[in-house]
Amino acid sequence: MRGLLFLLSALMVVGLGFWAYNENYATQDSIREVRDLNRQIGEAHARLRMLNAEWAYLNRPDRLRDLADLNFDRLGLLPLIPDGFGRVDQVIYPALPFGPLDGSVMASSDGEEPL
């Protein structure tokens, strides 16, 4: 009986050692993956800062004004002036197209033709 207890204890120690070994390597893999993800996030932030700077550079008012002047004959763009902007409530939207309405509606729910 005593030998069986020692054998079971030894098997448990070996099993726990094997489990700890696997958990150690799984943890190291997870740490490596988190490190790679943090690096990718940092690169994405740097790319985003560069794109925002490029966008700000390309949307300079003097550059847009020059482009509007150069392409006026082709595009008909007006020069950018402070008075050229309006409010949303000043925008006139086109009316939605409706078919001819004569005011009467014919409906039937029993499957028969309405009279």
C-alpha atoms as a PDB file:
ATOM      1  CA  MET A   1       0.000   0.000   0.000  1.00  0.00           C
ATOM      2  CA  ARG A   2       2.838   2.302   0.877  1.00  0.00           C
ATOM      3  CA  GLY A   3       4.568   1.681  -2.470  1.00  0.00           C
ATOM      4  CA  LEU A   4       1.340   2.497  -4.334  1.00  0.00           C
ATOM      5  CA  LEU A   5       1.080   5.812  -2.457  1.00  0.00           C
ATOM      6  CA  PHE A   6       4.695   6.673  -3.354  1.00  0.00           C
ATOM      7  CA  LEU A   7       4.066   5.728  -6.987  1.00  0.00           C
ATOM      8  CA  LEU A   8       0.919   7.889  -7.188  1.00  0.00           C
ATOM      9  CA  SER A   9       2.751  10.786  -5.524  1.00  0.00           C
ATOM     10  CA  ALA A  10       5.634  10.478  -7.978  1.00  0.00           C
ATOM     11  CA  LEU A  11       3.213  10.381 -10.930  1.00  0.00           C
ATOM     12  CA  MET A  12       1.437  13.489  -9.595  1.00  0.00           C
ATOM     13  CA  VAL A  13       4.752  15.335  -9.243  1.00  0.00           C
ATOM     14  CA  VAL A  14       5.742  14.365 -12.808  1.00  0.00           C
ATOM     15  CA  GLY A  15       2.274  15.372 -14.097  1.00  0.00           C
ATOM     16  CA  LEU A  16       2.384  18.719 -12.303  1.00  0.00           C
ATOM     17  CA  GLY A  17       5.905  19.327 -13.590  1.00  0.00           C
ATOM     18  CA  PHE A  18       4.761  18.596 -17.144  1.00  0.00           C
ATOM     19  CA  TRP A  19       1.759  20.945 -16.674  1.00  0.00           C
ATOM     20  CA  ALA A  20       4.006  23.725 -15.263  1.00  0.00           C
ATOM     21  CA  TYR A  21       6.437  23.256 -18.179  1.00  0.00           C
ATOM     22  CA  ASN A  22       3.623  23.640 -20.729  1.00  0.00           C
ATOM     23  CA  GLU A  23       2.121  26.655 -18.912  1.00  0.00           C
ATOM     24  CA  ASN A  24       5.533  28.340 -18.834  1.00  0.00           C
ATOM     25  CA  TYR A  25       5.946  28.056 -22.601  1.00  0.00           C
ATOM     26  CA  ALA A  26       2.316  29.058 -23.241  1.00  0.00           C
ATOM     27  CA  THR A  27       2.852  32.151 -21.071  1.00  0.00           C
ATOM     28  CA  GLN A  28       6.045  33.040 -22.924  1.00  0.00           C
ATOM     29  CA  ASP A  29       4.220  32.683 -26.259  1.00  0.00           C
ATOM     30  CA  SER A  30       1.408  34.932 -25.000  1.00  0.00           C
ATOM     31  CA  ILE A  31       3.912  37.545 -23.793  1.00  0.00           C
ATOM     32  CA  ARG A  32       5.660  37.439 -27.177  1.00  0.00           C
ATOM     33  CA  GLU A  33       2.313  37.839 -28.968  1.00  0.00           C
ATOM     34  CA  VAL A  34       1.346  40.820 -26.773  1.00  0.00           C
ATOM     35  CA  ARG A  35       4.742  42.407 -27.469  1.00  0.00           C
ATOM     36  CA  ASP A  36       4.205  41.973 -31.228  1.00  0.00           C
ATOM     37  CA  LEU A  37       0.690  43.424 -31.009  1.00  0.00           C
ATOM     38  CA  ASN A  38       1.970  46.441 -29.057  1.00  0.00           C
ATOM     39  CA  ARG A  39       4.620  46.979 -31.717  1.00  0.00           C
ATOM     40  CA  GLN A  40       1.982  46.798 -34.475  1.00  0.00           C
ATOM     41  CA  ILE A  41      -0.232  49.247 -32.584  1.00  0.00           C
ATOM     42  CA  GLY A  42       2.689  51.650 -32.238  1.00  0.00           C
ATOM     43  CA  GLU A  43       3.435  51.400 -35.961  1.00  0.00           C
ATOM     44  CA  ALA A  44      -0.259  52.009 -36.762  1.00  0.00           C
ATOM     45  CA  HIS A  45      -0.267  55.115 -34.535  1.00  0.00           C
ATOM     46  CA  ALA A  46       2.855  56.420 -36.254  1.00  0.00           C
ATOM     47  CA  ARG A  47       1.272  55.780 -39.671  1.00  0.00           C
ATOM     48  CA  LEU A  48      -1.905  57.556 -38.553  1.00  0.00           C
ATOM     49  CA  ARG A  49       0.064  60.593 -37.325  1.00  0.00           C
ATOM     50  CA  MET A  50       1.875  60.720 -40.669  1.00  0.00           C
ATOM     51  CA  LEU A  51      -1.391  60.480 -42.622  1.00  0.00           C
ATOM     52  CA  ASN A  52      -2.977  63.216 -40.494  1.00  0.00           C
ATOM     53  CA  ALA A  53       0.019  65.470 -41.124  1.00  0.00           C
ATOM     54  CA  GLU A  54      -0.146  64.716 -44.846  1.00  0.00           C
ATOM     55  CA  TRP A  55      -3.882  65.460 -44.894  1.00  0.00           C
ATOM     56  CA  ALA A  56      -3.317  68.781 -43.123  1.00  0.00           C
ATOM     57  CA  TYR A  57      -0.551  69.633 -45.589  1.00  0.00           C
ATOM     58  CA  LEU A  58      -2.683  68.827 -48.640  1.00  0.00           C
ATOM     59  CA  ASN A  59      -5.689  70.752 -47.291  1.00  0.00           C
ATOM     60  CA  ARG A  60      -3.883  74.039 -46.737  1.00  0.00           C
ATOM     61  CA  PRO A  61      -6.220  76.894 -47.710  1.00  0.00           C
ATOM     62  CA  ASP A  62      -3.613  78.561 -49.945  1.00  0.00           C
ATOM     63  CA  ARG A  63      -3.008  75.297 -51.830  1.00  0.00           C
ATOM     64  CA  LEU A  64      -6.741  74.678 -52.264  1.00  0.00           C
ATOM     65  CA  ARG A  65      -7.200  78.270 -53.430  1.00  0.00           C
ATOM     66  CA  ASP A  66      -4.456  77.827 -56.036  1.00  0.00           C
ATOM     67  CA  LEU A  67      -5.983  74.541 -57.220  1.00  0.00           C
ATOM     68  CA  ALA A  68      -9.409  76.154 -57.528  1.00  0.00           C
ATOM     69  CA  ASP A  69      -7.908  78.993 -59.573  1.00  0.00           C
ATOM     70  CA  LEU A  70      -5.973  76.609 -61.836  1.00  0.00           C
ATOM     71  CA  ASN A  71      -8.971  74.391 -62.529  1.00  0.00           C
ATOM     72  CA  PHE A  72     -11.701  77.017 -62.712  1.00  0.00           C
ATOM     73  CA  ASP A  73     -12.322  76.583 -66.432  1.00  0.00           C
ATOM     74  CA  ARG A  74     -12.610  72.775 -66.137  1.00  0.00           C
ATOM     75  CA  LEU A  75     -14.409  72.392 -62.815  1.00  0.00           C
ATOM     76  CA  GLY A  76     -16.065  75.742 -62.264  1.00  0.00           C
ATOM     77  CA  LEU A  77     -14.830  75.905 -58.678  1.00  0.00           C
ATOM     78  CA  LEU A  78     -15.226  79.233 -56.970  1.00  0.00           C
ATOM     79  CA  PRO A  79     -12.372  80.640 -54.905  1.00  0.00           C
ATOM     80  CA  LEU A  80     -12.451  79.959 -51.185  1.00  0.00           C
ATOM     81  CA  ILE A  81     -13.567  83.039 -49.291  1.00  0.00           C
ATOM     82  CA  PRO A  82     -14.894  83.313 -45.744  1.00  0.00           C
ATOM     83  CA  ASP A  83     -18.276  84.554 -46.981  1.00  0.00           C
ATOM     84  CA  GLY A  84     -18.650  81.500 -49.224  1.00  0.00           C
ATOM     85  CA  PHE A  85     -19.821  79.292 -46.378  1.00  0.00           C
ATOM     86  CA  GLY A  86     -23.379  79.017 -45.157  1.00  0.00           C
ATOM     87  CA  ARG A  87     -25.454  77.317 -42.529  1.00  0.00           C
ATOM     88  CA  VAL A  88     -27.150  73.961 -42.937  1.00  0.00           C
ATOM     89  CA  ASP A  89     -30.612  75.490 -42.666  1.00  0.00           C
ATOM     90  CA  GLN A  90     -29.835  77.607 -45.760  1.00  0.00           C
ATOM     91  CA  VAL A  91     -29.374  74.537 -47.970  1.00  0.00           C
ATOM     92  CA  ILE A  92     -32.313  73.920 -50.277  1.00  0.00           C
ATOM     93  CA  TYR A  93     -32.858  70.218 -50.794  1.00  0.00           C
ATOM     94  CA  PRO A  94     -34.762  68.976 -53.859  1.00  0.00           C
ATOM     95  CA  ALA A  95     -38.317  67.782 -53.283  1.00  0.00           C
ATOM     96  CA  LEU A  96     -38.859  64.043 -53.263  1.00  0.00           C
ATOM     97  CA  PRO A  97     -40.569  62.844 -56.439  1.00  0.00           C
ATOM     98  CA  PHE A  98     -44.094  61.528 -55.862  1.00  0.00           C
ATOM     99  CA  GLY A  99     -46.400  59.975 -58.375  1.00  0.00           C
ATOM    100  CA  PRO A 100     -49.737  61.523 -59.191  1.00  0.00           C
ATOM    101  CA  LEU A 101     -51.951  61.520 -56.101  1.00  0.00           C
ATOM    102  CA  ASP A 102     -55.673  62.084 -56.461  1.00  0.00           C
ATOM    103  CA  GLY A 103     -56.487  61.786 -52.761  1.00  0.00           C
ATOM    104  CA  SER A 104     -58.290  58.417 -52.866  1.00  0.00           C
ATOM    105  CA  VAL A 105     -56.930  55.093 -51.678  1.00  0.00           C
ATOM    106  CA  MET A 106     -58.432  51.721 -52.504  1.00  0.00           C
ATOM    107  CA  ALA A 107     -57.554  48.798 -50.231  1.00  0.00           C
ATOM    108  CA  SER A 108     -58.904  45.316 -49.657  1.00  0.00           C
ATOM    109  CA  SER A 109     -57.837  42.724 -47.107  1.00  0.00           C
ATOM    110  CA  ASP A 110     -60.063  39.798 -48.133  1.00  0.00           C
ATOM    111  CA  GLY A 111     -58.321  39.136 -51.461  1.00  0.00           C
ATOM    112  CA  GLU A 112     -61.190  40.481 -53.575  1.00  0.00           C
ATOM    113  CA  GLU A 113     -60.948  43.398 -55.954  1.00  0.00           C
ATOM    114  CA  PRO A 114     -62.038  46.674 -54.338  1.00  0.00           C
ATOM    115  CA  LEU A 115     -65.174  48.312 -55.710  1.00  0.00           C
END
